[in-house]
Amino acid sequence: MSYLPLPYSALSTLLIVPTPIRDAVYDYVAKHRYGWFGKADECLVLKEKELLERFIDRDEIIGGGRSDL
């Protein structure tokens, strides 16, 4: 993260926090994220064709649909 531009590079200073504390904070956020931010009933990517086109389809990879891989 230190190579990224500000404010992201400032996050690298969080590495001084001991790992057990970082893990506890991560687990707390993971446990409560849906309550804070909500949860969609359907995947946004599958609903919007423009977003779906950004992803490589499994069949394209297996079938050789893309020549630049």
C-alpha atoms as a PDB file:
ATOM      1  CA  MET A   1       0.000   0.000   0.000  1.00  0.00           C
ATOM      2  CA  SER A   2       2.890   2.350   0.546  1.00  0.00           C
ATOM      3  CA  TYR A   3       3.375   2.693  -3.234  1.00  0.00           C
ATOM      4  CA  LEU A   4      -0.188   3.912  -3.798  1.00  0.00           C
ATOM      5  CA  PRO A   5      -1.055   7.626  -3.824  1.00  0.00           C
ATOM      6  CA  LEU A   6      -2.465   9.338  -0.748  1.00  0.00           C
ATOM      7  CA  PRO A   7      -4.709   8.631   1.149  1.00  0.00           C
ATOM      8  CA  TYR A   8      -4.187   4.913   0.457  1.00  0.00           C
ATOM      9  CA  SER A   9      -0.480   4.996   1.216  1.00  0.00           C
ATOM     10  CA  ALA A  10      -1.277   6.306   4.692  1.00  0.00           C
ATOM     11  CA  LEU A  11      -3.056   3.015   5.413  1.00  0.00           C
ATOM     12  CA  SER A  12       0.299   1.221   5.432  1.00  0.00           C
ATOM     13  CA  THR A  13       0.918   2.782   8.860  1.00  0.00           C
ATOM     14  CA  LEU A  14      -1.767   0.435  10.202  1.00  0.00           C
ATOM     15  CA  LEU A  15       0.767  -2.392   9.918  1.00  0.00           C
ATOM     16  CA  ILE A  16       2.155  -1.337  13.306  1.00  0.00           C
ATOM     17  CA  VAL A  17      -1.096  -2.570  14.879  1.00  0.00           C
ATOM     18  CA  PRO A  18      -0.557  -6.117  16.180  1.00  0.00           C
ATOM     19  CA  THR A  19      -2.043  -8.871  14.023  1.00  0.00           C
ATOM     20  CA  PRO A  20      -4.479 -10.208  16.670  1.00  0.00           C
ATOM     21  CA  ILE A  21      -6.044  -6.741  17.002  1.00  0.00           C
ATOM     22  CA  ARG A  22      -6.289  -6.306  13.226  1.00  0.00           C
ATOM     23  CA  ASP A  23      -7.892  -9.744  12.960  1.00  0.00           C
ATOM     24  CA  ALA A  24     -10.408  -8.906  15.690  1.00  0.00           C
ATOM     25  CA  VAL A  25     -11.392  -5.661  13.950  1.00  0.00           C
ATOM     26  CA  TYR A  26     -11.690  -7.480  10.628  1.00  0.00           C
ATOM     27  CA  ASP A  27     -13.917 -10.153  12.173  1.00  0.00           C
ATOM     28  CA  TYR A  28     -16.121  -7.493  13.807  1.00  0.00           C
ATOM     29  CA  VAL A  29     -16.591  -5.624  10.525  1.00  0.00           C
ATOM     30  CA  ALA A  30     -17.236  -8.874   8.638  1.00  0.00           C
ATOM     31  CA  LYS A  31     -19.885  -9.887  11.164  1.00  0.00           C
ATOM     32  CA  HIS A  32     -21.765  -6.573  10.975  1.00  0.00           C
ATOM     33  CA  ARG A  33     -21.267  -5.473   7.346  1.00  0.00           C
ATOM     34  CA  TYR A  34     -24.703  -6.506   6.081  1.00  0.00           C
ATOM     35  CA  GLY A  35     -26.389  -4.656   8.931  1.00  0.00           C
ATOM     36  CA  TRP A  36     -24.428  -1.492   8.116  1.00  0.00           C
ATOM     37  CA  PHE A  37     -24.434  -1.582   4.331  1.00  0.00           C
ATOM     38  CA  GLY A  38     -27.290  -3.939   3.453  1.00  0.00           C
ATOM     39  CA  LYS A  39     -27.321  -6.905   1.145  1.00  0.00           C
ATOM     40  CA  ALA A  40     -28.713  -7.139  -2.377  1.00  0.00           C
ATOM     41  CA  ASP A  41     -31.076  -9.961  -3.268  1.00  0.00           C
ATOM     42  CA  GLU A  42     -29.412 -10.409  -6.660  1.00  0.00           C
ATOM     43  CA  CYS A  43     -25.918  -9.911  -7.990  1.00  0.00           C
ATOM     44  CA  LEU A  44     -25.579  -6.442  -9.543  1.00  0.00           C
ATOM     45  CA  VAL A  45     -23.185  -7.745 -12.191  1.00  0.00           C
ATOM     46  CA  LEU A  46     -25.684 -10.293 -13.475  1.00  0.00           C
ATOM     47  CA  LYS A  47     -28.465  -7.694 -13.674  1.00  0.00           C
ATOM     48  CA  GLU A  48     -26.579  -5.091 -15.722  1.00  0.00           C
ATOM     49  CA  LYS A  49     -25.252  -6.183 -19.109  1.00  0.00           C
ATOM     50  CA  GLU A  50     -22.652  -3.396 -19.214  1.00  0.00           C
ATOM     51  CA  LEU A  51     -21.046  -4.667 -16.000  1.00  0.00           C
ATOM     52  CA  LEU A  52     -21.311  -8.294 -17.096  1.00  0.00           C
ATOM     53  CA  GLU A  53     -19.343  -7.563 -20.265  1.00  0.00           C
ATOM     54  CA  ARG A  54     -16.334  -6.528 -18.142  1.00  0.00           C
ATOM     55  CA  PHE A  55     -15.858 -10.089 -16.925  1.00  0.00           C
ATOM     56  CA  ILE A  56     -14.305 -12.976 -18.830  1.00  0.00           C
ATOM     57  CA  ASP A  57     -16.793 -15.763 -19.367  1.00  0.00           C
ATOM     58  CA  ARG A  58     -15.692 -19.268 -18.409  1.00  0.00           C
ATOM     59  CA  ASP A  59     -16.848 -20.572 -21.806  1.00  0.00           C
ATOM     60  CA  GLU A  60     -14.673 -17.974 -23.552  1.00  0.00           C
ATOM     61  CA  ILE A  61     -11.614 -19.247 -21.710  1.00  0.00           C
ATOM     62  CA  ILE A  62     -12.297 -22.957 -22.240  1.00  0.00           C
ATOM     63  CA  GLY A  63     -13.560 -22.613 -25.809  1.00  0.00           C
ATOM     64  CA  GLY A  64     -10.713 -20.347 -26.860  1.00  0.00           C
ATOM     65  CA  GLY A  65     -13.053 -17.448 -27.591  1.00  0.00           C
ATOM     66  CA  ARG A  66     -10.283 -14.996 -26.731  1.00  0.00           C
ATOM     67  CA  SER A  67      -7.071 -15.147 -28.698  1.00  0.00           C
ATOM     68  CA  ASP A  68      -5.112 -12.791 -26.424  1.00  0.00           C
ATOM     69  CA  LEU A  69      -4.976 -15.149 -23.400  1.00  0.00           C
END
